[in-house]
Amino acid sequence: MEFELLDGYLLDGIPGKAEVVRRLLEVRPQAEGAPPFYEGMQRLGARTPDLALIALRLVLGGKKADDANVAWLRDVVARARAGDAGARDEYRTIDRSDAS
């Protein structure tokens, strides 16, 4: 599955959060564990925390959104937004079956 919209927001802030939330709610990519995220996004709209979007991205990639994985991806996203090219490569491991 491709997640360009969510990945673009998490890595570059483009498009804006309000647009990402709106479009995710329109499409609602399916994955086990994703429906509660959509319920929260429906209630919070553009106020949806980035951490919730990070956790959703893990779930959509087939990973557990446990504390360790969310903290890891939050760090990767922060480094990528700061210009760390290696972090962008690390981010791409979300969808690999060997990633945790």
C-alpha atoms as a PDB file:
ATOM      1  CA  MET A   1       0.000   0.000   0.000  1.00  0.00           C
ATOM      2  CA  GLU A   2       1.187   3.533  -0.741  1.00  0.00           C
ATOM      3  CA  PHE A   3       0.850   6.247   1.877  1.00  0.00           C
ATOM      4  CA  GLU A   4       2.240   9.289   0.061  1.00  0.00           C
ATOM      5  CA  LEU A   5      -0.239  11.666   1.680  1.00  0.00           C
ATOM      6  CA  LEU A   6       0.551  10.671   5.268  1.00  0.00           C
ATOM      7  CA  ASP A   7       4.249  10.211   4.560  1.00  0.00           C
ATOM      8  CA  GLY A   8       4.408  13.657   2.947  1.00  0.00           C
ATOM      9  CA  TYR A   9       2.868  15.243   6.012  1.00  0.00           C
ATOM     10  CA  LEU A  10       5.027  13.358   8.497  1.00  0.00           C
ATOM     11  CA  LEU A  11       8.292  13.950   6.649  1.00  0.00           C
ATOM     12  CA  ASP A  12       7.763  17.396   5.117  1.00  0.00           C
ATOM     13  CA  GLY A  13       4.603  18.901   6.584  1.00  0.00           C
ATOM     14  CA  ILE A  14       3.006  18.875   3.122  1.00  0.00           C
ATOM     15  CA  PRO A  15       0.075  18.826   2.693  1.00  0.00           C
ATOM     16  CA  GLY A  16      -1.099  20.443   5.922  1.00  0.00           C
ATOM     17  CA  LYS A  17      -2.545  18.390   8.747  1.00  0.00           C
ATOM     18  CA  ALA A  18      -6.147  19.496   8.133  1.00  0.00           C
ATOM     19  CA  GLU A  19      -5.946  18.242   4.537  1.00  0.00           C
ATOM     20  CA  VAL A  20      -4.310  14.963   5.568  1.00  0.00           C
ATOM     21  CA  VAL A  21      -6.959  14.285   8.193  1.00  0.00           C
ATOM     22  CA  ARG A  22      -9.789  15.173   5.800  1.00  0.00           C
ATOM     23  CA  ARG A  23      -8.475  12.905   3.062  1.00  0.00           C
ATOM     24  CA  LEU A  24      -7.668  10.019   5.410  1.00  0.00           C
ATOM     25  CA  LEU A  25     -11.218  10.177   6.717  1.00  0.00           C
ATOM     26  CA  GLU A  26     -12.552  10.095   3.155  1.00  0.00           C
ATOM     27  CA  VAL A  27     -10.489   7.076   2.141  1.00  0.00           C
ATOM     28  CA  ARG A  28      -9.933   5.329   5.497  1.00  0.00           C
ATOM     29  CA  PRO A  29      -7.212   2.875   4.462  1.00  0.00           C
ATOM     30  CA  GLN A  30      -8.022  -0.411   6.132  1.00  0.00           C
ATOM     31  CA  ALA A  31      -5.765  -2.222   8.551  1.00  0.00           C
ATOM     32  CA  GLU A  32      -6.304  -4.100  11.772  1.00  0.00           C
ATOM     33  CA  GLY A  33      -6.389  -1.555  14.573  1.00  0.00           C
ATOM     34  CA  ALA A  34      -6.978   1.483  12.339  1.00  0.00           C
ATOM     35  CA  PRO A  35     -10.686   2.224  13.074  1.00  0.00           C
ATOM     36  CA  PRO A  36     -10.078   3.794  16.520  1.00  0.00           C
ATOM     37  CA  PHE A  37      -7.625   6.230  14.940  1.00  0.00           C
ATOM     38  CA  TYR A  38     -10.248   7.302  12.432  1.00  0.00           C
ATOM     39  CA  GLU A  39     -12.774   7.799  15.233  1.00  0.00           C
ATOM     40  CA  GLY A  40     -10.319  10.042  17.048  1.00  0.00           C
ATOM     41  CA  MET A  41      -9.501  11.952  13.866  1.00  0.00           C
ATOM     42  CA  GLN A  42     -13.232  12.437  13.231  1.00  0.00           C
ATOM     43  CA  ARG A  43     -13.591  14.030  16.664  1.00  0.00           C
ATOM     44  CA  LEU A  44     -10.393  16.093  16.661  1.00  0.00           C
ATOM     45  CA  GLY A  45      -9.981  17.071  13.011  1.00  0.00           C
ATOM     46  CA  ALA A  46      -6.896  19.228  12.493  1.00  0.00           C
ATOM     47  CA  ARG A  47      -6.195  19.018  16.241  1.00  0.00           C
ATOM     48  CA  THR A  48      -5.298  15.331  15.817  1.00  0.00           C
ATOM     49  CA  PRO A  49      -1.895  14.947  17.468  1.00  0.00           C
ATOM     50  CA  ASP A  50       1.050  14.130  15.229  1.00  0.00           C
ATOM     51  CA  LEU A  51       1.766  11.222  17.558  1.00  0.00           C
ATOM     52  CA  ALA A  52      -1.610   9.708  16.607  1.00  0.00           C
ATOM     53  CA  LEU A  53      -0.735  10.067  12.911  1.00  0.00           C
ATOM     54  CA  ILE A  54       2.629   8.429  13.564  1.00  0.00           C
ATOM     55  CA  ALA A  55       0.927   5.531  15.337  1.00  0.00           C
ATOM     56  CA  LEU A  56      -1.631   5.241  12.524  1.00  0.00           C
ATOM     57  CA  ARG A  57       1.177   5.096   9.967  1.00  0.00           C
ATOM     58  CA  LEU A  58       2.703   2.165  11.847  1.00  0.00           C
ATOM     59  CA  VAL A  59      -0.644   0.353  11.951  1.00  0.00           C
ATOM     60  CA  LEU A  60      -1.224   0.955   8.243  1.00  0.00           C
ATOM     61  CA  GLY A  61       2.243  -0.457   7.582  1.00  0.00           C
ATOM     62  CA  GLY A  62       1.311  -3.635   9.449  1.00  0.00           C
ATOM     63  CA  LYS A  63       3.304  -2.824  12.580  1.00  0.00           C
ATOM     64  CA  LYS A  64       2.286  -2.625  16.210  1.00  0.00           C
ATOM     65  CA  ALA A  65       1.785   0.903  17.488  1.00  0.00           C
ATOM     66  CA  ASP A  66       3.394   0.051  20.819  1.00  0.00           C
ATOM     67  CA  ASP A  67       5.461   2.488  22.873  1.00  0.00           C
ATOM     68  CA  ALA A  68       8.792   1.382  21.429  1.00  0.00           C
ATOM     69  CA  ASN A  69       7.717   1.581  17.796  1.00  0.00           C
ATOM     70  CA  VAL A  70       5.930   4.926  18.215  1.00  0.00           C
ATOM     71  CA  ALA A  71       8.933   6.433  20.026  1.00  0.00           C
ATOM     72  CA  TRP A  72      11.269   5.097  17.319  1.00  0.00           C
ATOM     73  CA  LEU A  73       9.170   6.510  14.475  1.00  0.00           C
ATOM     74  CA  ARG A  74       8.653   9.840  16.273  1.00  0.00           C
ATOM     75  CA  ASP A  75      12.444  10.158  16.497  1.00  0.00           C
ATOM     76  CA  VAL A  76      12.894   9.185  12.844  1.00  0.00           C
ATOM     77  CA  VAL A  77      10.284  11.750  11.759  1.00  0.00           C
ATOM     78  CA  ALA A  78      11.925  14.501  13.838  1.00  0.00           C
ATOM     79  CA  ARG A  79      15.342  13.731  12.355  1.00  0.00           C
ATOM     80  CA  ALA A  80      13.924  13.595   8.818  1.00  0.00           C
ATOM     81  CA  ARG A  81      12.181  16.955   9.255  1.00  0.00           C
ATOM     82  CA  ALA A  82      15.516  18.362  10.460  1.00  0.00           C
ATOM     83  CA  GLY A  83      17.150  17.316   7.177  1.00  0.00           C
ATOM     84  CA  ASP A  84      18.715  13.974   8.099  1.00  0.00           C
ATOM     85  CA  ALA A  85      18.731  11.997   4.822  1.00  0.00           C
ATOM     86  CA  GLY A  86      19.542   8.794   6.709  1.00  0.00           C
ATOM     87  CA  ALA A  87      16.361   9.211   8.728  1.00  0.00           C
ATOM     88  CA  ARG A  88      14.347   9.316   5.499  1.00  0.00           C
ATOM     89  CA  ASP A  89      15.894   5.991   4.498  1.00  0.00           C
ATOM     90  CA  GLU A  90      15.126   4.602   7.943  1.00  0.00           C
ATOM     91  CA  TYR A  91      11.511   5.804   7.640  1.00  0.00           C
ATOM     92  CA  ARG A  92      11.124   3.744   4.485  1.00  0.00           C
ATOM     93  CA  THR A  93      11.761   0.567   6.524  1.00  0.00           C
ATOM     94  CA  ILE A  94       8.233   0.849   8.022  1.00  0.00           C
ATOM     95  CA  ASP A  95       6.774  -1.251   5.231  1.00  0.00           C
ATOM     96  CA  ARG A  96       9.485  -3.899   5.163  1.00  0.00           C
ATOM     97  CA  SER A  97       8.539  -7.194   6.711  1.00  0.00           C
ATOM     98  CA  ASP A  98      11.836  -7.338   8.633  1.00  0.00           C
ATOM     99  CA  ALA A  99      11.287  -3.980  10.369  1.00  0.00           C
ATOM    100  CA  SER A 100      10.053  -4.156  13.960  1.00  0.00           C
END
